[in-house]
């Protein structure tokens, strides 16, 4: 009878070991492996985010560089008079008679200001064309939203132009 009891113990040992030792450990190992897989997924997401952040940093640097170039084209408030004087001098240089040169109310817009100018000039069309070309090549931002050109009937090739300019400048008070 002891013989059967020993055989039963010998056969029960692997079954009980599996049930009480190996199966709980396998469950814990599976749980740890699942946790590691989840952490690896999060790590991949963080790595992708890190790459996106690096790309965004590059984009931000490009935008800041563009903003710096744009600000270089915007004179500060003190230098607007110089820009206006340059426009007047360009007209005079091309033998154009300035009959009207009036600035309207300065408009504050976000980080810049717009100085509207109304100008009436008279002269040769070729001089007017060269005036516009030189105005376009100025290093400052100047926009011509409206312009009308009329031919003066009693003078061959002579025109009168009404020009509305917008000169943009920085509204930094520094």
C-alpha atoms as a PDB file:
ATOM      1  CA  UNK A   1       0.000   0.000   0.000  1.00  0.00           C
ATOM      2  CA  UNK A   2       2.869   2.393   0.734  1.00  0.00           C
ATOM      3  CA  UNK A   3       4.017   1.614  -2.733  1.00  0.00           C
ATOM      4  CA  UNK A   4       0.841   3.037  -4.255  1.00  0.00           C
ATOM      5  CA  UNK A   5       1.037   6.017  -1.987  1.00  0.00           C
ATOM      6  CA  UNK A   6       4.606   6.787  -3.183  1.00  0.00           C
ATOM      7  CA  UNK A   7       3.571   6.370  -6.823  1.00  0.00           C
ATOM      8  CA  UNK A   8       0.626   8.712  -6.208  1.00  0.00           C
ATOM      9  CA  UNK A   9       2.956  11.307  -4.622  1.00  0.00           C
ATOM     10  CA  UNK A  10       5.439  10.947  -7.477  1.00  0.00           C
ATOM     11  CA  UNK A  11       2.675  11.421 -10.079  1.00  0.00           C
ATOM     12  CA  UNK A  12       0.957  14.227  -8.141  1.00  0.00           C
ATOM     13  CA  UNK A  13       4.168  16.246  -7.715  1.00  0.00           C
ATOM     14  CA  UNK A  14       4.424  17.411 -11.368  1.00  0.00           C
ATOM     15  CA  UNK A  15       0.682  18.124 -11.557  1.00  0.00           C
ATOM     16  CA  UNK A  16       0.688  20.122  -8.320  1.00  0.00           C
ATOM     17  CA  UNK A  17       3.925  21.891  -9.339  1.00  0.00           C
ATOM     18  CA  UNK A  18       2.296  22.946 -12.590  1.00  0.00           C
ATOM     19  CA  UNK A  19      -0.872  24.155 -10.884  1.00  0.00           C
ATOM     20  CA  UNK A  20       0.725  25.952  -7.942  1.00  0.00           C
ATOM     21  CA  UNK A  21       4.154  27.019  -9.314  1.00  0.00           C
ATOM     22  CA  UNK A  22       4.420  27.082 -13.089  1.00  0.00           C
ATOM     23  CA  UNK A  23       0.951  28.366 -14.002  1.00  0.00           C
ATOM     24  CA  UNK A  24       1.054  31.422 -11.629  1.00  0.00           C
ATOM     25  CA  UNK A  25       4.606  32.202 -12.745  1.00  0.00           C
ATOM     26  CA  UNK A  26       3.590  31.924 -16.407  1.00  0.00           C
ATOM     27  CA  UNK A  27       0.720  34.324 -15.704  1.00  0.00           C
ATOM     28  CA  UNK A  28       3.122  36.796 -14.036  1.00  0.00           C
ATOM     29  CA  UNK A  29       5.611  36.441 -16.909  1.00  0.00           C
ATOM     30  CA  UNK A  30       2.846  37.083 -19.463  1.00  0.00           C
ATOM     31  CA  UNK A  31       1.717  40.120 -17.485  1.00  0.00           C
ATOM     32  CA  UNK A  32       5.293  41.504 -17.416  1.00  0.00           C
ATOM     33  CA  UNK A  33       5.746  40.831 -21.162  1.00  0.00           C
ATOM     34  CA  UNK A  34       2.474  42.670 -21.911  1.00  0.00           C
ATOM     35  CA  UNK A  35       3.663  45.568 -19.745  1.00  0.00           C
ATOM     36  CA  UNK A  36       6.997  45.652 -21.628  1.00  0.00           C
ATOM     37  CA  UNK A  37       5.168  45.593 -24.990  1.00  0.00           C
ATOM     38  CA  UNK A  38       3.009  48.527 -23.853  1.00  0.00           C
ATOM     39  CA  UNK A  39       6.099  50.448 -22.761  1.00  0.00           C
ATOM     40  CA  UNK A  40       7.773  49.725 -26.113  1.00  0.00           C
ATOM     41  CA  UNK A  41       4.716  51.128 -27.929  1.00  0.00           C
ATOM     42  CA  UNK A  42       4.862  54.260 -25.778  1.00  0.00           C
ATOM     43  CA  UNK A  43       8.598  54.530 -26.462  1.00  0.00           C
ATOM     44  CA  UNK A  44       7.947  54.374 -30.212  1.00  0.00           C
ATOM     45  CA  UNK A  45       5.299  57.090 -29.860  1.00  0.00           C
ATOM     46  CA  UNK A  46       7.749  59.244 -27.879  1.00  0.00           C
ATOM     47  CA  UNK A  47      10.459  58.685 -30.494  1.00  0.00           C
ATOM     48  CA  UNK A  48       8.046  59.758 -33.256  1.00  0.00           C
ATOM     49  CA  UNK A  49       7.085  62.797 -31.166  1.00  0.00           C
ATOM     50  CA  UNK A  50      10.754  63.595 -30.645  1.00  0.00           C
ATOM     51  CA  UNK A  51      11.270  63.535 -34.419  1.00  0.00           C
ATOM     52  CA  UNK A  52       8.199  65.762 -34.909  1.00  0.00           C
ATOM     53  CA  UNK A  53       9.501  68.180 -32.277  1.00  0.00           C
ATOM     54  CA  UNK A  54      12.850  68.373 -34.079  1.00  0.00           C
ATOM     55  CA  UNK A  55      11.053  69.087 -37.370  1.00  0.00           C
ATOM     56  CA  UNK A  56       8.892  71.713 -35.670  1.00  0.00           C
ATOM     57  CA  UNK A  57      12.000  73.315 -34.204  1.00  0.00           C
ATOM     58  CA  UNK A  58      13.438  73.557 -37.717  1.00  0.00           C
ATOM     59  CA  UNK A  59      10.188  75.069 -38.996  1.00  0.00           C
ATOM     60  CA  UNK A  60      10.112  77.554 -36.111  1.00  0.00           C
ATOM     61  CA  UNK A  61      13.698  78.561 -36.909  1.00  0.00           C
ATOM     62  CA  UNK A  62      12.736  79.121 -40.572  1.00  0.00           C
ATOM     63  CA  UNK A  63       9.703  81.204 -39.586  1.00  0.00           C
ATOM     64  CA  UNK A  64      11.795  83.268 -37.168  1.00  0.00           C
ATOM     65  CA  UNK A  65      14.365  83.858 -39.923  1.00  0.00           C
ATOM     66  CA  UNK A  66      11.605  84.971 -42.308  1.00  0.00           C
ATOM     67  CA  UNK A  67      10.195  87.227 -39.610  1.00  0.00           C
ATOM     68  CA  UNK A  68      13.626  88.758 -39.077  1.00  0.00           C
ATOM     69  CA  UNK A  69      13.937  89.449 -42.824  1.00  0.00           C
ATOM     70  CA  UNK A  70      10.450  90.948 -42.848  1.00  0.00           C
ATOM     71  CA  UNK A  71      11.211  93.171 -39.857  1.00  0.00           C
ATOM     72  CA  UNK A  72      14.343  94.366 -41.648  1.00  0.00           C
ATOM     73  CA  UNK A  73      12.069  95.619 -44.431  1.00  0.00           C
ATOM     74  CA  UNK A  74       9.808  97.414 -41.962  1.00  0.00           C
ATOM     75  CA  UNK A  75      11.298 100.730 -40.910  1.00  0.00           C
ATOM     76  CA  UNK A  76      10.640 101.830 -37.379  1.00  0.00           C
ATOM     77  CA  UNK A  77       8.410 104.838 -36.784  1.00  0.00           C
ATOM     78  CA  UNK A  78      11.383 107.192 -36.715  1.00  0.00           C
ATOM     79  CA  UNK A  79      12.519 106.179 -40.220  1.00  0.00           C
ATOM     80  CA  UNK A  80       9.137 106.479 -41.950  1.00  0.00           C
ATOM     81  CA  UNK A  81       9.954 110.096 -42.786  1.00  0.00           C
ATOM     82  CA  UNK A  82      13.100 108.895 -44.575  1.00  0.00           C
ATOM     83  CA  UNK A  83      11.046 106.445 -46.640  1.00  0.00           C
ATOM     84  CA  UNK A  84       8.595 109.232 -47.540  1.00  0.00           C
ATOM     85  CA  UNK A  85      11.493 111.514 -48.458  1.00  0.00           C
ATOM     86  CA  UNK A  86      12.904 108.713 -50.664  1.00  0.00           C
ATOM     87  CA  UNK A  87       9.566 108.407 -52.505  1.00  0.00           C
ATOM     88  CA  UNK A  88       9.519 112.183 -53.051  1.00  0.00           C
ATOM     89  CA  UNK A  89      13.154 112.179 -54.243  1.00  0.00           C
ATOM     90  CA  UNK A  90      12.551 109.297 -56.657  1.00  0.00           C
ATOM     91  CA  UNK A  91       9.690 111.246 -58.236  1.00  0.00           C
ATOM     92  CA  UNK A  92      11.881 114.348 -58.535  1.00  0.00           C
ATOM     93  CA  UNK A  93      14.772 112.298 -59.955  1.00  0.00           C
ATOM     94  CA  UNK A  94      12.571 111.134 -62.838  1.00  0.00           C
ATOM     95  CA  UNK A  95      11.419 114.673 -63.676  1.00  0.00           C
ATOM     96  CA  UNK A  96       7.959 114.201 -62.212  1.00  0.00           C
ATOM     97  CA  UNK A  97       6.165 117.150 -60.653  1.00  0.00           C
ATOM     98  CA  UNK A  98       4.611 116.271 -57.325  1.00  0.00           C
ATOM     99  CA  UNK A  99       1.362 118.239 -57.071  1.00  0.00           C
ATOM    100  CA  UNK A 100      -0.030 116.526 -53.997  1.00  0.00           C
ATOM    101  CA  UNK A 101       1.707 114.529 -51.281  1.00  0.00           C
ATOM    102  CA  UNK A 102      -0.473 113.873 -48.264  1.00  0.00           C
ATOM    103  CA  UNK A 103      -0.339 111.242 -45.533  1.00  0.00           C
ATOM    104  CA  UNK A 104      -3.572 109.985 -44.026  1.00  0.00           C
ATOM    105  CA  UNK A 105      -4.126 108.712 -40.518  1.00  0.00           C
ATOM    106  CA  UNK A 106      -1.629 106.016 -39.480  1.00  0.00           C
ATOM    107  CA  UNK A 107      -3.304 102.664 -38.891  1.00  0.00           C
ATOM    108  CA  UNK A 108      -2.054 100.300 -36.161  1.00  0.00           C
ATOM    109  CA  UNK A 109      -2.393  96.661 -37.185  1.00  0.00           C
ATOM    110  CA  UNK A 110      -1.073  93.934 -34.853  1.00  0.00           C
ATOM    111  CA  UNK A 111       2.744  94.238 -34.908  1.00  0.00           C
ATOM    112  CA  UNK A 112       3.024  96.838 -37.649  1.00  0.00           C
ATOM    113  CA  UNK A 113       1.601 100.131 -38.806  1.00  0.00           C
ATOM    114  CA  UNK A 114       0.355 101.236 -42.191  1.00  0.00           C
ATOM    115  CA  UNK A 115       1.010 104.796 -43.325  1.00  0.00           C
ATOM    116  CA  UNK A 116      -1.366 105.636 -46.203  1.00  0.00           C
ATOM    117  CA  UNK A 117      -0.106 108.261 -48.654  1.00  0.00           C
ATOM    118  CA  UNK A 118      -1.994 110.004 -51.412  1.00  0.00           C
ATOM    119  CA  UNK A 119       0.182 111.372 -54.177  1.00  0.00           C
ATOM    120  CA  UNK A 120      -0.557 113.191 -57.433  1.00  0.00           C
ATOM    121  CA  UNK A 121       2.298 113.474 -59.902  1.00  0.00           C
ATOM    122  CA  UNK A 122       2.550 114.833 -63.401  1.00  0.00           C
ATOM    123  CA  UNK A 123       5.197 114.148 -65.992  1.00  0.00           C
ATOM    124  CA  UNK A 124       6.401 112.023 -68.866  1.00  0.00           C
ATOM    125  CA  UNK A 125       5.084 108.443 -68.953  1.00  0.00           C
ATOM    126  CA  UNK A 126       8.597 107.003 -69.278  1.00  0.00           C
ATOM    127  CA  UNK A 127       9.662 108.889 -66.160  1.00  0.00           C
ATOM    128  CA  UNK A 128       6.571 107.600 -64.378  1.00  0.00           C
ATOM    129  CA  UNK A 129       7.391 104.035 -65.406  1.00  0.00           C
ATOM    130  CA  UNK A 130      10.970 104.381 -64.117  1.00  0.00           C
ATOM    131  CA  UNK A 131       9.578 105.908 -60.916  1.00  0.00           C
ATOM    132  CA  UNK A 132       7.424 102.803 -60.351  1.00  0.00           C
ATOM    133  CA  UNK A 133      10.344 100.473 -61.071  1.00  0.00           C
ATOM    134  CA  UNK A 134      12.592 102.258 -58.596  1.00  0.00           C
ATOM    135  CA  UNK A 135       9.781 102.380 -56.032  1.00  0.00           C
ATOM    136  CA  UNK A 136       9.405  98.624 -56.407  1.00  0.00           C
ATOM    137  CA  UNK A 137      13.116  98.052 -55.828  1.00  0.00           C
ATOM    138  CA  UNK A 138      13.171  99.931 -52.519  1.00  0.00           C
ATOM    139  CA  UNK A 139      14.213  97.691 -49.619  1.00  0.00           C
ATOM    140  CA  UNK A 140      11.089  98.647 -47.655  1.00  0.00           C
ATOM    141  CA  UNK A 141       7.578  97.259 -48.014  1.00  0.00           C
ATOM    142  CA  UNK A 142       5.454  99.662 -50.032  1.00  0.00           C
ATOM    143  CA  UNK A 143       2.120  98.656 -51.531  1.00  0.00           C
ATOM    144  CA  UNK A 144       0.162 100.543 -54.182  1.00  0.00           C
ATOM    145  CA  UNK A 145      -3.475  99.482 -53.679  1.00  0.00           C
ATOM    146  CA  UNK A 146      -4.927 102.091 -56.069  1.00  0.00           C
ATOM    147  CA  UNK A 147      -3.547 104.093 -58.951  1.00  0.00           C
ATOM    148  CA  UNK A 148      -5.201 106.045 -61.750  1.00  0.00           C
ATOM    149  CA  UNK A 149      -3.412 107.432 -64.794  1.00  0.00           C
ATOM    150  CA  UNK A 150      -4.827 110.114 -67.060  1.00  0.00           C
ATOM    151  CA  UNK A 151      -3.350 111.521 -70.220  1.00  0.00           C
ATOM    152  CA  UNK A 152      -3.198 115.305 -70.293  1.00  0.00           C
ATOM    153  CA  UNK A 153      -4.832 116.305 -73.587  1.00  0.00           C
ATOM    154  CA  UNK A 154      -2.786 119.355 -74.384  1.00  0.00           C
ATOM    155  CA  UNK A 155       0.622 117.731 -73.748  1.00  0.00           C
ATOM    156  CA  UNK A 156       1.908 114.827 -75.825  1.00  0.00           C
ATOM    157  CA  UNK A 157       3.131 111.918 -73.627  1.00  0.00           C
ATOM    158  CA  UNK A 158       2.397 113.755 -70.398  1.00  0.00           C
ATOM    159  CA  UNK A 159       0.303 112.018 -67.788  1.00  0.00           C
ATOM    160  CA  UNK A 160      -1.159 112.757 -64.395  1.00  0.00           C
ATOM    161  CA  UNK A 161      -1.186 109.877 -61.926  1.00  0.00           C
ATOM    162  CA  UNK A 162      -3.078 109.655 -58.655  1.00  0.00           C
ATOM    163  CA  UNK A 163      -1.330 107.085 -56.507  1.00  0.00           C
ATOM    164  CA  UNK A 164      -2.347 105.712 -53.150  1.00  0.00           C
ATOM    165  CA  UNK A 165       0.625 104.138 -51.377  1.00  0.00           C
ATOM    166  CA  UNK A 166       0.796 102.185 -48.161  1.00  0.00           C
ATOM    167  CA  UNK A 167       4.152 102.300 -46.393  1.00  0.00           C
ATOM    168  CA  UNK A 168       4.463  99.659 -43.708  1.00  0.00           C
ATOM    169  CA  UNK A 169       6.531 100.157 -40.570  1.00  0.00           C
ATOM    170  CA  UNK A 170       7.159  98.491 -37.268  1.00  0.00           C
ATOM    171  CA  UNK A 171       5.177  99.745 -34.324  1.00  0.00           C
ATOM    172  CA  UNK A 172       7.930  98.853 -31.865  1.00  0.00           C
ATOM    173  CA  UNK A 173       8.537 101.932 -29.787  1.00  0.00           C
ATOM    174  CA  UNK A 174      12.113 100.925 -28.997  1.00  0.00           C
END
